[in-house]
Amino acid sequence: MLKGKRKLIAIPVLLLVLGAAGYSFAKPQPVVKMKIKGTVYAMPKSFLLNLSDGHYVKLNVALLLAPGQSDGVEGEAAPASGEEGEGTLPEEAVVRSIITNIVTGKSSKDLIGERGRKAITHEILAAIGKQTDVKVESVLFPDLTVQ
């Protein structure tokens, strides 16, 4: 009599375990969302600029291009990293000029502090939007040294 009750209890438990295992395999997998939309274009040549207070800055600049904005590569190989030369962005010379003109007039304190750097990147972003057709969502300073 005890064996019969055990069988009656074991069958629903077994079905419950198998159902849970089947559900975990059949449920849809979570969709991975990209955190960065668009293309990060690292300008291949660094900047070495004089600052208004007698210091100088060496910085690398990257642009977060809007989705759909071409970085100029279009089927050709991108330049090797670390290569100092012209990039593939068609309006890169104009963008470099904008960055040079804006950063040169700043002080070392502006570049050392986070608030100052954010203000400078917003100023560069606005100038790129006004003076070029390049659609940039953000300006990044991956490397920055002030002396």
Protein backbone atom coordinates (compact mmCIF):
# COMPACT_ATOMS: atom_id res chain seq x y z
CA MET A 1 0.00 0.00 0.00
CA LEU A 2 2.91 2.35 0.79
CA LYS A 3 4.59 1.55 -2.53
CA GLY A 4 1.46 2.50 -4.46
CA LYS A 5 1.29 5.91 -2.79
CA ARG A 6 4.97 6.55 -3.55
CA LYS A 7 4.34 5.82 -7.23
CA LEU A 8 1.38 8.18 -7.25
CA ILE A 9 3.51 10.98 -5.72
CA ALA A 10 6.58 10.27 -7.87
CA ILE A 11 4.74 10.53 -11.20
CA PRO A 12 3.49 14.16 -10.75
CA VAL A 13 6.86 15.22 -9.34
CA LEU A 14 8.63 13.70 -12.33
CA LEU A 15 6.23 15.41 -14.74
CA LEU A 16 6.78 18.74 -12.97
CA VAL A 17 10.57 18.42 -13.24
CA LEU A 18 10.41 17.45 -16.92
CA GLY A 19 8.00 20.32 -17.66
CA ALA A 20 10.29 22.86 -15.98
CA ALA A 21 13.31 21.55 -17.91
CA GLY A 22 11.39 21.70 -21.19
CA TYR A 23 10.25 25.26 -20.51
CA SER A 24 13.77 26.45 -19.76
CA PHE A 25 14.97 25.10 -23.13
CA ALA A 26 11.98 26.41 -25.08
CA LYS A 27 11.71 29.92 -23.61
CA PRO A 28 13.02 32.72 -25.83
CA GLN A 29 16.57 33.85 -25.18
CA PRO A 30 17.01 37.48 -24.08
CA VAL A 31 17.83 39.91 -26.87
CA VAL A 32 21.25 41.51 -26.46
CA LYS A 33 20.98 45.25 -27.04
CA MET A 34 24.00 47.15 -28.28
CA LYS A 35 25.12 49.81 -25.84
CA ILE A 36 26.73 51.92 -28.56
CA LYS A 37 24.72 52.64 -31.67
CA GLY A 38 26.73 53.93 -34.55
CA THR A 39 30.44 53.72 -35.32
CA VAL A 40 33.33 54.89 -33.18
CA TYR A 41 35.82 56.57 -35.50
CA ALA A 42 39.23 57.09 -33.86
CA MET A 43 41.09 59.85 -35.61
CA PRO A 44 44.42 58.28 -36.58
CA LYS A 45 46.64 61.27 -35.79
CA SER A 46 46.92 62.70 -32.27
CA PHE A 47 46.79 66.43 -31.48
CA LEU A 48 49.64 68.38 -29.84
CA LEU A 49 48.30 71.85 -29.00
CA ASN A 50 49.38 74.91 -27.03
CA LEU A 51 47.01 76.04 -24.30
CA SER A 52 46.23 79.61 -23.27
CA ASP A 53 48.08 79.36 -19.93
CA GLY A 54 51.48 78.30 -21.31
CA HIS A 55 50.87 74.55 -21.02
CA TYR A 56 50.27 72.12 -23.86
CA VAL A 57 48.05 69.12 -24.39
CA LYS A 58 48.50 65.91 -26.34
CA LEU A 59 45.20 64.21 -27.02
CA ASN A 60 43.62 61.56 -29.16
CA VAL A 61 40.09 62.17 -30.40
CA ALA A 62 37.39 59.70 -31.36
CA LEU A 63 33.99 60.52 -32.83
CA LEU A 64 30.85 58.52 -32.19
CA LEU A 65 29.26 58.72 -35.62
CA ALA A 66 25.48 58.54 -35.87
CA PRO A 67 24.00 55.30 -37.23
CA GLY A 68 24.17 55.46 -41.02
CA GLN A 69 27.03 58.01 -41.08
CA SER A 70 29.87 56.61 -43.18
CA ASP A 71 33.40 56.66 -41.86
CA GLY A 72 34.66 56.60 -45.44
CA VAL A 73 35.96 53.02 -45.44
CA GLU A 74 33.32 51.53 -47.86
CA GLY A 75 34.84 48.15 -48.63
CA GLU A 76 38.50 49.12 -48.32
CA ALA A 77 40.71 48.18 -45.42
CA ALA A 78 40.89 50.63 -42.54
CA PRO A 79 44.32 52.06 -41.68
CA ALA A 80 46.33 49.97 -39.24
CA SER A 81 46.03 51.11 -35.65
CA GLY A 82 48.85 53.33 -34.50
CA GLU A 83 49.50 54.49 -38.06
CA GLU A 84 50.03 58.26 -38.14
CA GLY A 85 48.44 59.58 -41.30
CA GLU A 86 45.20 60.64 -42.86
CA GLY A 87 42.05 58.86 -41.83
CA THR A 88 39.18 57.69 -43.95
CA LEU A 89 36.61 60.29 -42.88
CA PRO A 90 36.09 62.59 -45.90
CA GLU A 91 35.83 65.80 -43.82
CA GLU A 92 38.56 64.90 -41.35
CA ALA A 93 40.69 67.98 -42.13
CA VAL A 94 37.79 70.28 -41.28
CA VAL A 95 37.04 68.35 -38.07
CA ARG A 96 40.73 68.52 -37.07
CA SER A 97 40.70 72.27 -37.67
CA ILE A 98 37.59 72.72 -35.50
CA ILE A 99 39.15 70.73 -32.66
CA THR A 100 42.45 72.62 -32.93
CA ASN A 101 40.75 76.03 -32.87
CA ILE A 102 38.55 75.20 -29.89
CA VAL A 103 41.10 73.41 -27.69
CA THR A 104 43.95 75.85 -28.34
CA GLY A 105 42.07 78.67 -26.59
CA LYS A 106 41.42 76.64 -23.42
CA SER A 107 43.43 76.48 -20.21
CA SER A 108 44.99 73.39 -18.67
CA LYS A 109 42.40 73.56 -15.85
CA ASP A 110 39.61 73.23 -18.43
CA LEU A 111 41.08 69.98 -19.75
CA ILE A 112 42.04 68.48 -16.40
CA GLY A 113 38.56 68.75 -14.86
CA GLU A 114 35.71 66.53 -16.01
CA ARG A 115 33.24 69.43 -16.18
CA GLY A 116 35.63 71.42 -18.39
CA ARG A 117 36.24 68.46 -20.71
CA LYS A 118 32.49 67.91 -21.10
CA ALA A 119 32.00 71.58 -21.98
CA ILE A 120 34.78 71.37 -24.57
CA THR A 121 33.38 68.20 -26.16
CA HIS A 122 29.92 69.84 -26.39
CA GLU A 123 31.47 72.93 -27.98
CA ILE A 124 33.32 70.75 -30.52
CA LEU A 125 30.15 68.75 -31.21
CA ALA A 126 28.13 71.91 -31.88
CA ALA A 127 30.83 73.33 -34.19
CA ILE A 128 31.07 70.08 -36.17
CA GLY A 129 27.27 70.13 -36.58
CA LYS A 130 27.32 73.74 -37.84
CA GLN A 131 30.35 73.55 -40.14
CA THR A 132 30.21 70.04 -41.64
CA ASP A 133 27.81 67.39 -42.88
CA VAL A 134 29.31 64.76 -40.56
CA LYS A 135 26.67 63.45 -38.17
CA VAL A 136 28.44 63.03 -34.83
CA GLU A 137 26.65 62.03 -31.64
CA SER A 138 29.57 62.41 -29.27
CA VAL A 139 33.20 63.55 -29.13
CA LEU A 140 35.52 61.40 -27.03
CA PHE A 141 39.02 61.99 -25.67
CA PRO A 142 40.37 58.43 -25.19
CA ASP A 143 43.88 59.70 -24.30
CA LEU A 144 44.74 63.11 -22.91
CA THR A 145 47.96 64.45 -21.38
CA VAL A 146 48.41 68.02 -20.13
CA GLN A 147 51.88 69.43 -19.39
